PDB file of N, CA and C in Angstrom:
ATOM      1  N   UNK A   1     125.979  90.639  92.202  1.00  0.00           N
ATOM      2  CA  UNK A   1     125.268  91.291  91.593  1.00  0.00           C
ATOM      3  C   UNK A   1     124.151  90.986  90.250  1.00  0.00           C
ATOM      4  N   UNK A   2     123.009  91.439  90.600  1.00  0.00           N
ATOM      5  CA  UNK A   2     121.978  91.407  89.269  1.00  0.00           C
ATOM      6  C   UNK A   2     121.807  92.798  89.041  1.00  0.00           C
ATOM      7  N   UNK A   3     122.156  93.500  87.577  1.00  0.00           N
ATOM      8  CA  UNK A   3     121.410  94.862  87.348  1.00  0.00           C
ATOM      9  C   UNK A   3     120.358  94.712  86.529  1.00  0.00           C
ATOM     10  N   UNK A   4     119.725  95.756  86.686  1.00  0.00           N
ATOM     11  CA  UNK A   4     118.159  96.156  86.135  1.00  0.00           C
ATOM     12  C   UNK A   4     118.289  97.343  85.417  1.00  0.00           C
ATOM     13  N   UNK A   5     117.388  97.753  84.765  1.00  0.00           N
ATOM     14  CA  UNK A   5     117.566  98.541  83.652  1.00  0.00           C
ATOM     15  C   UNK A   5     115.941  99.558  83.783  1.00  0.00           C
ATOM     16  N   UNK A   6     115.715 100.510  84.036  1.00  0.00           N
ATOM     17  CA  UNK A   6     114.227 101.194  84.254  1.00  0.00           C
ATOM     18  C   UNK A   6     114.669 102.150  83.265  1.00  0.00           C
ATOM     19  N   UNK A   7     113.423 102.338  82.234  1.00  0.00           N
ATOM     20  CA  UNK A   7     113.716 103.443  80.753  1.00  0.00           C
ATOM     21  C   UNK A   7     114.778 103.401  79.885  1.00  0.00           C
ATOM     22  N   UNK A   8     114.800 104.618  79.342  1.00  0.00           N
ATOM     23  CA  UNK A   8     115.740 104.128  78.195  1.00  0.00           C
ATOM     24  C   UNK A   8     116.510 105.428  77.779  1.00  0.00           C
ATOM     25  N   UNK A   9     116.050 106.472  78.686  1.00  0.00           N
ATOM     26  CA  UNK A   9     116.747 107.715  78.989  1.00  0.00           C
ATOM     27  C   UNK A   9     116.907 108.177  80.544  1.00  0.00           C
ATOM     28  N   UNK A  10     117.843 109.037  81.049  1.00  0.00           N
ATOM     29  CA  UNK A  10     117.691 109.566  82.249  1.00  0.00           C
ATOM     30  C   UNK A  10     116.403 110.411  82.334  1.00  0.00           C
ATOM     31  N   UNK A  11     115.591 110.706  81.279  1.00  0.00           N
ATOM     32  CA  UNK A  11     114.392 111.523  81.143  1.00  0.00           C
ATOM     33  C   UNK A  11     112.967 110.692  81.480  1.00  0.00           C
ATOM     34  N   UNK A  12     113.418 109.806  80.648  1.00  0.00           N
ATOM     35  CA  UNK A  12     112.129 108.657  80.775  1.00  0.00           C
ATOM     36  C   UNK A  12     112.404 108.005  82.029  1.00  0.00           C
ATOM     37  N   UNK A  13     113.934 107.573  82.844  1.00  0.00           N
ATOM     38  CA  UNK A  13     113.418 107.158  84.014  1.00  0.00           C
ATOM     39  C   UNK A  13     112.753 107.975  84.873  1.00  0.00           C
ATOM     40  N   UNK A  14     113.228 109.416  84.886  1.00  0.00           N
ATOM     41  CA  UNK A  14     112.620 110.394  85.762  1.00  0.00           C
ATOM     42  C   UNK A  14     111.285 110.434  85.890  1.00  0.00           C
ATOM     43  N   UNK A  15     110.262 110.061  84.491  1.00  0.00           N
ATOM     44  CA  UNK A  15     109.196 110.329  83.638  1.00  0.00           C
ATOM     45  C   UNK A  15     108.272 109.121  84.499  1.00  0.00           C
ATOM     46  N   UNK A  16     109.075 108.183  84.580  1.00  0.00           N
ATOM     47  CA  UNK A  16     108.219 106.950  84.741  1.00  0.00           C
ATOM     48  C   UNK A  16     107.780 106.727  86.723  1.00  0.00           C
ATOM     49  N   UNK A  17     108.802 107.831  87.293  1.00  0.00           N
ATOM     50  CA  UNK A  17     108.547 107.872  88.912  1.00  0.00           C
ATOM     51  C   UNK A  17     108.174 109.517  89.180  1.00  0.00           C
ATOM     52  N   UNK A  18     107.184 109.250  89.220  1.00  0.00           N
ATOM     53  CA  UNK A  18     106.534 110.870  89.994  1.00  0.00           C
ATOM     54  C   UNK A  18     107.385 111.435  91.511  1.00  0.00           C
ATOM     55  N   UNK A  19     107.210 112.486  91.663  1.00  0.00           N
ATOM     56  CA  UNK A  19     108.031 113.106  92.833  1.00  0.00           C
ATOM     57  C   UNK A  19     107.468 112.080  93.963  1.00  0.00           C
ATOM     58  N   UNK A  20     108.218 111.474  94.796  1.00  0.00           N
ATOM     59  CA  UNK A  20     107.905 111.069  95.926  1.00  0.00           C
ATOM     60  C   UNK A  20     106.417 110.179  95.943  1.00  0.00           C
ATOM     61  N   UNK A  21     106.294 109.543  94.928  1.00  0.00           N
ATOM     62  CA  UNK A  21     105.342 108.281  94.627  1.00  0.00           C
ATOM     63  C   UNK A  21     106.371 107.393  94.808  1.00  0.00           C
ATOM     64  N   UNK A  22     105.979 106.672  95.770  1.00  0.00           N
ATOM     65  CA  UNK A  22     106.391 104.921  95.839  1.00  0.00           C
ATOM     66  C   UNK A  22     105.932 103.675  95.003  1.00  0.00           C
ATOM     67  N   UNK A  23     106.568 103.554  94.149  1.00  0.00           N
ATOM     68  CA  UNK A  23     105.867 102.294  92.996  1.00  0.00           C
ATOM     69  C   UNK A  23     106.490 101.124  93.546  1.00  0.00           C
ATOM     70  N   UNK A  24     105.881  99.869  93.241  1.00  0.00           N
ATOM     71  CA  UNK A  24     106.254  98.341  93.244  1.00  0.00           C
ATOM     72  C   UNK A  24     106.510  97.757  92.389  1.00  0.00           C
ATOM     73  N   UNK A  25     107.817  97.662  91.863  1.00  0.00           N
ATOM     74  CA  UNK A  25     108.533  97.443  90.442  1.00  0.00           C
ATOM     75  C   UNK A  25     108.742  95.651  90.969  1.00  0.00           C
ATOM     76  N   UNK A  26     108.691  94.951  90.162  1.00  0.00           N
ATOM     77  CA  UNK A  26     109.756  93.289  90.240  1.00  0.00           C
ATOM     78  C   UNK A  26     110.362  93.477  89.203  1.00  0.00           C
ATOM     79  N   UNK A  27     111.903  93.157  89.895  1.00  0.00           N
ATOM     80  CA  UNK A  27     112.852  92.707  88.931  1.00  0.00           C
ATOM     81  C   UNK A  27     113.608  91.581  89.273  1.00  0.00           C
ATOM     82  N   UNK A  28     113.335  90.611  88.062  1.00  0.00           N
ATOM     83  CA  UNK A  28     113.384  89.198  88.281  1.00  0.00           C
ATOM     84  C   UNK A  28     112.070  88.587  89.115  1.00  0.00           C
ATOM     85  N   UNK A  29     112.778  88.132  90.051  1.00  0.00           N
ATOM     86  CA  UNK A  29     111.812  87.267  91.556  1.00  0.00           C
ATOM     87  C   UNK A  29     111.680  88.184  92.331  1.00  0.00           C
ATOM     88  N   UNK A  30     112.344  89.308  92.465  1.00  0.00           N
ATOM     89  CA  UNK A  30     112.534  90.121  93.566  1.00  0.00           C
ATOM     90  C   UNK A  30     111.187  91.354  93.431  1.00  0.00           C
ATOM     91  N   UNK A  31     110.303  91.413  94.268  1.00  0.00           N
ATOM     92  CA  UNK A  31     109.321  92.914  94.581  1.00  0.00           C
ATOM     93  C   UNK A  31     110.049  93.553  95.538  1.00  0.00           C
ATOM     94  N   UNK A  32     110.605  94.782  94.571  1.00  0.00           N
ATOM     95  CA  UNK A  32     110.994  96.210  95.132  1.00  0.00           C
ATOM     96  C   UNK A  32     109.969  97.238  95.501  1.00  0.00           C
ATOM     97  N   UNK A  33     110.068  98.472  96.231  1.00  0.00           N
ATOM     98  CA  UNK A  33     109.884  99.547  96.006  1.00  0.00           C
ATOM     99  C   UNK A  33     110.652 100.562  95.557  1.00  0.00           C
ATOM    100  N   UNK A  34     110.423 101.932  94.856  1.00  0.00           N
ATOM    101  CA  UNK A  34     111.253 102.376  94.454  1.00  0.00           C
ATOM    102  C   UNK A  34     110.770 103.953  94.245  1.00  0.00           C
ATOM    103  N   UNK A  35     111.398 104.840  94.835  1.00  0.00           N
ATOM    104  CA  UNK A  35     110.899 105.827  95.083  1.00  0.00           C
ATOM    105  C   UNK A  35     111.843 107.681  94.272  1.00  0.00           C
ATOM    106  N   UNK A  36     111.511 108.525  93.552  1.00  0.00           N
ATOM    107  CA  UNK A  36     112.143 109.222  93.574  1.00  0.00           C
ATOM    108  C   UNK A  36     111.974 110.720  94.177  1.00  0.00           C
ATOM    109  N   UNK A  37     113.107 111.097  95.041  1.00  0.00           N
ATOM    110  CA  UNK A  37     112.944 112.253  95.393  1.00  0.00           C
ATOM    111  C   UNK A  37     113.967 113.224  94.775  1.00  0.00           C
ATOM    112  N   UNK A  38     113.641 114.008  94.263  1.00  0.00           N
ATOM    113  CA  UNK A  38     114.018 115.099  92.896  1.00  0.00           C
ATOM    114  C   UNK A  38     114.846 114.134  92.055  1.00  0.00           C
ATOM    115  N   UNK A  39     116.111 114.149  91.957  1.00  0.00           N
ATOM    116  CA  UNK A  39     117.232 113.630  90.547  1.00  0.00           C
ATOM    117  C   UNK A  39     117.365 112.220  91.540  1.00  0.00           C
ATOM    118  N   UNK A  40     117.301 111.866  93.234  1.00  0.00           N
ATOM    119  CA  UNK A  40     117.940 111.057  93.702  1.00  0.00           C
ATOM    120  C   UNK A  40     116.306 109.702  93.445  1.00  0.00           C
ATOM    121  N   UNK A  41     117.552 108.718  93.403  1.00  0.00           N
ATOM    122  CA  UNK A  41     116.013 107.388  93.605  1.00  0.00           C
ATOM    123  C   UNK A  41     116.143 106.502  94.375  1.00  0.00           C
ATOM    124  N   UNK A  42     115.538 105.814  94.925  1.00  0.00           N
ATOM    125  CA  UNK A  42     115.943 105.109  96.695  1.00  0.00           C
ATOM    126  C   UNK A  42     115.185 103.663  95.809  1.00  0.00           C
ATOM    127  N   UNK A  43     115.627 102.422  96.056  1.00  0.00           N
ATOM    128  CA  UNK A  43     115.078 101.409  95.902  1.00  0.00           C
ATOM    129  C   UNK A  43     115.118 100.522  97.483  1.00  0.00           C
ATOM    130  N   UNK A  44     114.412  99.757  97.728  1.00  0.00           N
ATOM    131  CA  UNK A  44     114.189  99.197  99.036  1.00  0.00           C
ATOM    132  C   UNK A  44     113.300  97.852  99.182  1.00  0.00           C
ATOM    133  N   UNK A  45     113.301  97.116  99.733  1.00  0.00           N
ATOM    134  CA  UNK A  45     112.519  96.067  99.918  1.00  0.00           C
ATOM    135  C   UNK A  45     111.266  96.356 100.403  1.00  0.00           C
ATOM    136  N   UNK A  46     110.179  96.322  99.691  1.00  0.00           N
ATOM    137  CA  UNK A  46     108.696  96.178  99.752  1.00  0.00           C
ATOM    138  C   UNK A  46     108.024  96.190 101.204  1.00  0.00           C
ATOM    139  N   UNK A  47     108.702  95.354 101.962  1.00  0.00           N
ATOM    140  CA  UNK A  47     108.302  94.766 102.928  1.00  0.00           C
ATOM    141  C   UNK A  47     108.896  94.939 104.226  1.00  0.00           C
ATOM    142  N   UNK A  48     107.784  95.727 105.203  1.00  0.00           N
ATOM    143  CA  UNK A  48     108.945  96.321 106.528  1.00  0.00           C
ATOM    144  C   UNK A  48     109.208  95.193 107.398  1.00  0.00           C
ATOM    145  N   UNK A  49     110.255  95.178 107.599  1.00  0.00           N
ATOM    146  CA  UNK A  49     110.881  93.989 108.482  1.00  0.00           C
ATOM    147  C   UNK A  49     110.780  93.365 109.761  1.00  0.00           C
ATOM    148  N   UNK A  50     109.784  94.940 110.077  1.00  0.00           N
ATOM    149  CA  UNK A  50     108.900  94.466 111.514  1.00  0.00           C
ATOM    150  C   UNK A  50     107.712  93.388 111.357  1.00  0.00           C
ATOM    151  N   UNK A  51     106.948  93.895 110.513  1.00  0.00           N
ATOM    152  CA  UNK A  51     105.413  92.579 110.694  1.00  0.00           C
ATOM    153  C   UNK A  51     105.377  92.569 109.125  1.00  0.00           C
ATOM    154  N   UNK A  52     106.227  92.612 108.549  1.00  0.00           N
ATOM    155  CA  UNK A  52     105.745  92.612 106.825  1.00  0.00           C
ATOM    156  C   UNK A  52     104.451  93.513 106.229  1.00  0.00           C
ATOM    157  N   UNK A  53     104.558  94.998 106.677  1.00  0.00           N
ATOM    158  CA  UNK A  53     103.515  95.353 105.882  1.00  0.00           C
ATOM    159  C   UNK A  53     104.236  96.260 104.937  1.00  0.00           C
ATOM    160  N   UNK A  54     103.191  96.233 103.774  1.00  0.00           N
ATOM    161  CA  UNK A  54     103.748  96.697 102.504  1.00  0.00           C
ATOM    162  C   UNK A  54     104.054  98.471 102.719  1.00  0.00           C
ATOM    163  N   UNK A  55     105.518  98.884 102.404  1.00  0.00           N
ATOM    164  CA  UNK A  55     106.136  99.894 102.198  1.00  0.00           C
ATOM    165  C   UNK A  55     105.743 100.728 101.009  1.00  0.00           C
ATOM    166  N   UNK A  56     105.014 100.204 100.299  1.00  0.00           N
ATOM    167  CA  UNK A  56     104.085 100.952  98.693  1.00  0.00           C
ATOM    168  C   UNK A  56     103.538 101.424  99.331  1.00  0.00           C
ATOM    169  N   UNK A  57     102.683 100.805 100.386  1.00  0.00           N
ATOM    170  CA  UNK A  57     101.578 102.142 101.450  1.00  0.00           C
ATOM    171  C   UNK A  57     101.908 103.326 102.266  1.00  0.00           C
ATOM    172  N   UNK A  58     103.781 103.290 102.479  1.00  0.00           N
ATOM    173  CA  UNK A  58     103.676 104.249 103.373  1.00  0.00           C
ATOM    174  C   UNK A  58     103.965 105.444 102.715  1.00  0.00           C
ATOM    175  N   UNK A  59     104.910 106.289 103.753  1.00  0.00           N
ATOM    176  CA  UNK A  59     105.039 107.307 102.952  1.00  0.00           C
ATOM    177  C   UNK A  59     106.431 108.419 103.194  1.00  0.00           C
ATOM    178  N   UNK A  60     106.856 109.252 102.185  1.00  0.00           N
ATOM    179  CA  UNK A  60     108.134 109.854 102.711  1.00  0.00           C
ATOM    180  C   UNK A  60     107.828 110.843 103.227  1.00  0.00           C
ATOM    181  N   UNK A  61     109.100 111.331 104.192  1.00  0.00           N
ATOM    182  CA  UNK A  61     108.766 112.473 104.850  1.00  0.00           C
ATOM    183  C   UNK A  61     109.988 113.756 104.383  1.00  0.00           C
ATOM    184  N   UNK A  62     110.588 114.168 105.033  1.00  0.00           N
ATOM    185  CA  UNK A  62     111.194 115.618 104.550  1.00  0.00           C
ATOM    186  C   UNK A  62     112.557 114.875 104.822  1.00  0.00           C
ATOM    187  N   UNK A  63     113.010 114.023 105.497  1.00  0.00           N
ATOM    188  CA  UNK A  63     114.071 113.299 105.900  1.00  0.00           C
ATOM    189  C   UNK A  63     114.492 112.104 105.242  1.00  0.00           C
ATOM    190  N   UNK A  64     113.795 112.129 103.746  1.00  0.00           N
ATOM    191  CA  UNK A  64     114.614 111.068 103.229  1.00  0.00           C
ATOM    192  C   UNK A  64     114.331 109.278 103.646  1.00  0.00           C
ATOM    193  N   UNK A  65     113.129 109.715 104.674  1.00  0.00           N
ATOM    194  CA  UNK A  65     112.903 108.513 105.382  1.00  0.00           C
ATOM    195  C   UNK A  65     111.922 107.647 104.481  1.00  0.00           C
ATOM    196  N   UNK A  66     111.463 106.447 104.947  1.00  0.00           N
ATOM    197  CA  UNK A  66     110.207 105.752 104.228  1.00  0.00           C
ATOM    198  C   UNK A  66     109.505 105.821 105.867  1.00  0.00           C
ATOM    199  N   UNK A  67     108.307 105.745 106.026  1.00  0.00           N
ATOM    200  CA  UNK A  67     107.553 105.371 107.162  1.00  0.00           C
ATOM    201  C   UNK A  67     106.086 104.625 106.967  1.00  0.00           C
ATOM    202  N   UNK A  68     106.617 102.926 107.711  1.00  0.00           N
ATOM    203  CA  UNK A  68     105.868 102.447 107.508  1.00  0.00           C
ATOM    204  C   UNK A  68     104.017 102.651 108.087  1.00  0.00           C
ATOM    205  N   UNK A  69     103.313 102.042 107.230  1.00  0.00           N
ATOM    206  CA  UNK A  69     101.749 102.702 107.346  1.00  0.00           C
ATOM    207  C   UNK A  69     101.459 101.907 108.739  1.00  0.00           C
ATOM    208  N   UNK A  70     101.974 100.843 109.141  1.00  0.00           N
ATOM    209  CA  UNK A  70     101.028 100.059 110.176  1.00  0.00           C
ATOM    210  C   UNK A  70     101.965 100.678 111.853  1.00  0.00           C
ATOM    211  N   UNK A  71     102.879 100.755 111.723  1.00  0.00           N
ATOM    212  CA  UNK A  71     103.198 101.175 113.416  1.00  0.00           C
ATOM    213  C   UNK A  71     104.018 102.511 113.012  1.00  0.00           C
ATOM    214  N   UNK A  72     103.953 103.141 112.282  1.00  0.00           N
ATOM    215  CA  UNK A  72     105.041 104.096 111.650  1.00  0.00           C
ATOM    216  C   UNK A  72     106.540 104.236 112.098  1.00  0.00           C
ATOM    217  N   UNK A  73     107.136 102.857 111.597  1.00  0.00           N
ATOM    218  CA  UNK A  73     108.480 102.975 111.868  1.00  0.00           C
ATOM    219  C   UNK A  73     109.129 103.750 110.638  1.00  0.00           C
ATOM    220  N   UNK A  74     110.265 104.321 110.914  1.00  0.00           N
ATOM    221  CA  UNK A  74     111.092 104.915 109.983  1.00  0.00           C
ATOM    222  C   UNK A  74     112.394 104.405 109.943  1.00  0.00           C
ATOM    223  N   UNK A  75     112.536 104.434 108.386  1.00  0.00           N
ATOM    224  CA  UNK A  75     113.789 104.115 107.932  1.00  0.00           C
ATOM    225  C   UNK A  75     114.577 104.843 107.198  1.00  0.00           C
ATOM    226  N   UNK A  76     116.118 105.073 107.091  1.00  0.00           N
ATOM    227  CA  UNK A  76     116.370 105.888 106.042  1.00  0.00           C
ATOM    228  C   UNK A  76     116.407 105.560 104.732  1.00  0.00           C
ATOM    229  N   UNK A  77     116.270 106.231 103.356  1.00  0.00           N
ATOM    230  CA  UNK A  77     116.137 105.746 102.592  1.00  0.00           C
ATOM    231  C   UNK A  77     117.801 105.400 101.766  1.00  0.00           C
ATOM    232  N   UNK A  78     118.401 106.073 102.235  1.00  0.00           N
ATOM    233  CA  UNK A  78     119.543 105.838 101.746  1.00  0.00           C
ATOM    234  C   UNK A  78     120.488 104.431 101.932  1.00  0.00           C
ATOM    235  N   UNK A  79     120.221 104.578 103.457  1.00  0.00           N
ATOM    236  CA  UNK A  79     120.989 103.187 104.308  1.00  0.00           C
ATOM    237  C   UNK A  79     119.818 101.966 104.756  1.00  0.00           C
ATOM    238  N   UNK A  80     119.029 102.083 104.827  1.00  0.00           N
ATOM    239  CA  UNK A  80     118.004 101.331 105.229  1.00  0.00           C
ATOM    240  C   UNK A  80     117.936 101.212 107.117  1.00  0.00           C
ATOM    241  N   UNK A  81     118.538 101.757 107.527  1.00  0.00           N
ATOM    242  CA  UNK A  81     118.638 101.719 108.720  1.00  0.00           C
ATOM    243  C   UNK A  81     117.704 102.586 109.678  1.00  0.00           C
ATOM    244  N   UNK A  82     117.269 101.769 110.579  1.00  0.00           N
ATOM    245  CA  UNK A  82     115.879 101.951 111.637  1.00  0.00           C
ATOM    246  C   UNK A  82     116.198 103.307 112.202  1.00  0.00           C
ATOM    247  N   UNK A  83     115.384 104.268 112.135  1.00  0.00           N
ATOM    248  CA  UNK A  83     115.689 105.552 112.695  1.00  0.00           C
ATOM    249  C   UNK A  83     114.526 105.583 113.901  1.00  0.00           C
ATOM    250  N   UNK A  84     113.431 105.105 114.109  1.00  0.00           N
ATOM    251  CA  UNK A  84     112.306 105.107 114.588  1.00  0.00           C
ATOM    252  C   UNK A  84     111.951 103.661 114.745  1.00  0.00           C
ATOM    253  N   UNK A  85     111.639 102.973 115.898  1.00  0.00           N
ATOM    254  CA  UNK A  85     110.790 101.686 116.305  1.00  0.00           C
ATOM    255  C   UNK A  85     111.862 100.673 116.729  1.00  0.00           C
ATOM    256  N   UNK A  86     111.515  99.601 116.433  1.00  0.00           N
ATOM    257  CA  UNK A  86     112.177  98.731 117.417  1.00  0.00           C
ATOM    258  C   UNK A  86     112.123  97.179 116.177  1.00  0.00           C
ATOM    259  N   UNK A  87     113.428  97.044 115.139  1.00  0.00           N
ATOM    260  CA  UNK A  87     113.523  95.949 114.484  1.00  0.00           C
ATOM    261  C   UNK A  87     114.715  96.012 113.792  1.00  0.00           C
ATOM    262  N   UNK A  88     114.677  94.803 112.995  1.00  0.00           N
ATOM    263  CA  UNK A  88     116.080  95.168 111.967  1.00  0.00           C
ATOM    264  C   UNK A  88     115.808  96.313 110.932  1.00  0.00           C
ATOM    265  N   UNK A  89     117.519  96.516 110.046  1.00  0.00           N
ATOM    266  CA  UNK A  89     117.136  97.462 109.284  1.00  0.00           C
ATOM    267  C   UNK A  89     116.673  96.793 107.775  1.00  0.00           C
ATOM    268  N   UNK A  90     115.973  98.065 107.216  1.00  0.00           N
ATOM    269  CA  UNK A  90     115.190  97.818 105.915  1.00  0.00           C
ATOM    270  C   UNK A  90     116.305  97.412 104.695  1.00  0.00           C
ATOM    271  N   UNK A  91     116.206  96.410 104.201  1.00  0.00           N
ATOM    272  CA  UNK A  91     117.375  96.233 102.763  1.00  0.00           C
ATOM    273  C   UNK A  91     117.129  97.225 101.863  1.00  0.00           C
ATOM    274  N   UNK A  92     118.311  98.130 101.403  1.00  0.00           N
ATOM    275  CA  UNK A  92     118.193  98.687 100.156  1.00  0.00           C
ATOM    276  C   UNK A  92     119.338  98.465  99.138  1.00  0.00           C
ATOM    277  N   UNK A  93     118.568  99.333  97.825  1.00  0.00           N
ATOM    278  CA  UNK A  93     119.617  98.347  96.984  1.00  0.00           C
ATOM    279  C   UNK A  93     120.202  99.843  96.289  1.00  0.00           C
ATOM    280  N   UNK A  94     121.154  99.181  95.542  1.00  0.00           N
ATOM    281  CA  UNK A  94     122.320 100.738  94.922  1.00  0.00           C
ATOM    282  C   UNK A  94     121.055 100.850  93.531  1.00  0.00           C
ATOM    283  N   UNK A  95     121.418 102.339  93.539  1.00  0.00           N
ATOM    284  CA  UNK A  95     120.707 102.829  92.062  1.00  0.00           C
ATOM    285  C   UNK A  95     121.633 104.223  91.332  1.00  0.00           C
ATOM    286  N   UNK A  96     121.737 103.925  89.982  1.00  0.00           N
ATOM    287  CA  UNK A  96     122.367 104.717  89.448  1.00  0.00           C
ATOM    288  C   UNK A  96     121.504 105.364  88.150  1.00  0.00           C
ATOM    289  N   UNK A  97     121.348 106.799  88.396  1.00  0.00           N
ATOM    290  CA  UNK A  97     120.600 107.580  87.340  1.00  0.00           C
ATOM    291  C   UNK A  97     121.921 107.709  86.328  1.00  0.00           C
ATOM    292  N   UNK A  98     121.520 107.111  85.080  1.00  0.00           N
ATOM    293  CA  UNK A  98     122.545 107.390  84.049  1.00  0.00           C
ATOM    294  C   UNK A  98     121.842 107.793  82.484  1.00  0.00           C
ATOM    295  N   UNK A  99     122.513 108.158  81.580  1.00  0.00           N
ATOM    296  CA  UNK A  99     121.779 108.933  80.344  1.00  0.00           C
ATOM    297  C   UNK A  99     121.393 107.575  79.605  1.00  0.00           C
ATOM    298  N   UNK A 100     121.315 106.522  80.583  1.00  0.00           N
ATOM    299  CA  UNK A 100     120.134 104.977  79.676  1.00  0.00           C
ATOM    300  C   UNK A 100     119.133 105.004  80.222  1.00  0.00           C
ATOM    301  N   UNK A 101     119.339 105.246  81.243  1.00  0.00           N
ATOM    302  CA  UNK A 101     118.234 104.941  82.515  1.00  0.00           C
ATOM    303  C   UNK A 101     118.147 104.693  83.428  1.00  0.00           C
ATOM    304  N   UNK A 102     117.748 104.143  84.577  1.00  0.00           N
ATOM    305  CA  UNK A 102     117.709 103.945  86.196  1.00  0.00           C
ATOM    306  C   UNK A 102     118.614 102.483  86.279  1.00  0.00           C
ATOM    307  N   UNK A 103     119.588 102.457  86.743  1.00  0.00           N
ATOM    308  CA  UNK A 103     120.267 101.275  86.763  1.00  0.00           C
ATOM    309  C   UNK A 103     119.928 101.080  88.476  1.00  0.00           C
ATOM    310  N   UNK A 104     119.440  99.360  88.867  1.00  0.00           N
ATOM    311  CA  UNK A 104     119.349  98.669  90.065  1.00  0.00           C
ATOM    312  C   UNK A 104     120.083  97.459  90.255  1.00  0.00           C
ATOM    313  N   UNK A 105     120.739  97.699  91.193  1.00  0.00           N
ATOM    314  CA  UNK A 105     121.529  96.520  91.428  1.00  0.00           C
ATOM    315  C   UNK A 105     121.443  95.909  92.606  1.00  0.00           C
ATOM    316  N   UNK A 106     120.950  94.245  92.475  1.00  0.00           N
ATOM    317  CA  UNK A 106     120.130  93.526  93.747  1.00  0.00           C
ATOM    318  C   UNK A 106     121.244  92.595  94.255  1.00  0.00           C
ATOM    319  N   UNK A 107     121.131  92.227  95.131  1.00  0.00           N
ATOM    320  CA  UNK A 107     122.050  91.232  95.982  1.00  0.00           C
ATOM    321  C   UNK A 107     122.134  90.044  95.124  1.00  0.00           C
ATOM    322  N   UNK A 108     123.231  89.346  95.389  1.00  0.00           N
ATOM    323  CA  UNK A 108     123.207  88.197  94.195  1.00  0.00           C
ATOM    324  C   UNK A 108     122.077  87.102  94.280  1.00  0.00           C
ATOM    325  N   UNK A 109     121.844  87.514  96.045  1.00  0.00           N
ATOM    326  CA  UNK A 109     121.064  85.828  96.815  1.00  0.00           C
ATOM    327  C   UNK A 109     119.557  86.715  96.178  1.00  0.00           C
ATOM    328  N   UNK A 110     119.395  87.616  95.822  1.00  0.00           N
ATOM    329  CA  UNK A 110     117.636  88.173  95.190  1.00  0.00           C
ATOM    330  C   UNK A 110     117.472  88.033  93.763  1.00  0.00           C
TER     331      UNK A 110
END
């Protein structure tokens, strides 16, 4: 696992990510999407596994799902599980909001 830190404090990390605004972030060689819902952060592959559409341009619904802008496929932000559509699950990454900032763990292959 590779760990990355965003922000210098809990408040700083929260300030970096406005509520339900998806941001593109490059960590090492990997480009991911990050969104904050309340005090919960979700990190995920920036491209839909179906047709490679940019999930950065997607939307977040009230069920903590990201909706692909191309075909409206829905993915659970916690698990990456496909909720609607027909493709593989979305890869998601572990996040941890600490007093030092937001910690994101990418799989060792990323």
